[in-house]
Amino acid sequence: MLIVLSITLSIFVGVMFGVSYGWYAYKNAESKVDGTTIKENPTVIFSQTEYIYAGTTLPINDEDRFAYANKNSFTITLGENLKDYQTGVKISLKDILMSDELKINNYKYELLQDGVSVGHGDFSSIGNNKEIEIMPMTVLTPSSYPTTYSYELLIWLSDDGNDQNYLMNKGFRAKVNVVSAVRR
């Protein structure tokens, strides 16, 4: 009985020391975190999905790209709490999987922001890269908050007047990546 009582008393004293030290450490703790946090970043909403896919590639005239190109539409909304901050946005394609035959200057992309072109190019210089920047980091400066920007990414094979039938069943797939940065 004496052994059981001494073990119980030792456990009780150990728990009391542990609780009192925990309370002491909690009361005397200090934080070294500097800076501020913003509770809301720009909101990105994709109309379909963040992936753009082309299984069958048909040559089209550049003027017809708005009607026939592969498209991915999305919006970026700057909320009311971002009005005191500068908000930058960068848009790129990443995890690109494409046929080597499409790595030519006739396979093109264009990014429209509210109907105005903000980025364009082709895939001739992509090489073995899996990512390509469509729009570099750009500061968005809306006149009022909240503001929503509409984006549309177009990808198409430009018809050059030559036989491009060998490119028709070549595939392309990528993820549209939107990165934002906020600062005062």
Foldseek 3Di string as FASTA:
>chain_A
DVVVVVVVVVVVVVVVVVVVVVVVCVVPDDDPDDDDDDPDAWDKAWPPAQKWKDQFADADAPVCQVPDFGKTKMKTKDAPSQLVKWKWKWKKWFQKDWDPVQQDFQWKKFKDKQNHTQFIGGNVPCPPHRMDTGHGTDTDDDPDPGDMIMMMMGIHGHDPPDDPVVRGRIIIMTGIDMDMDIDD
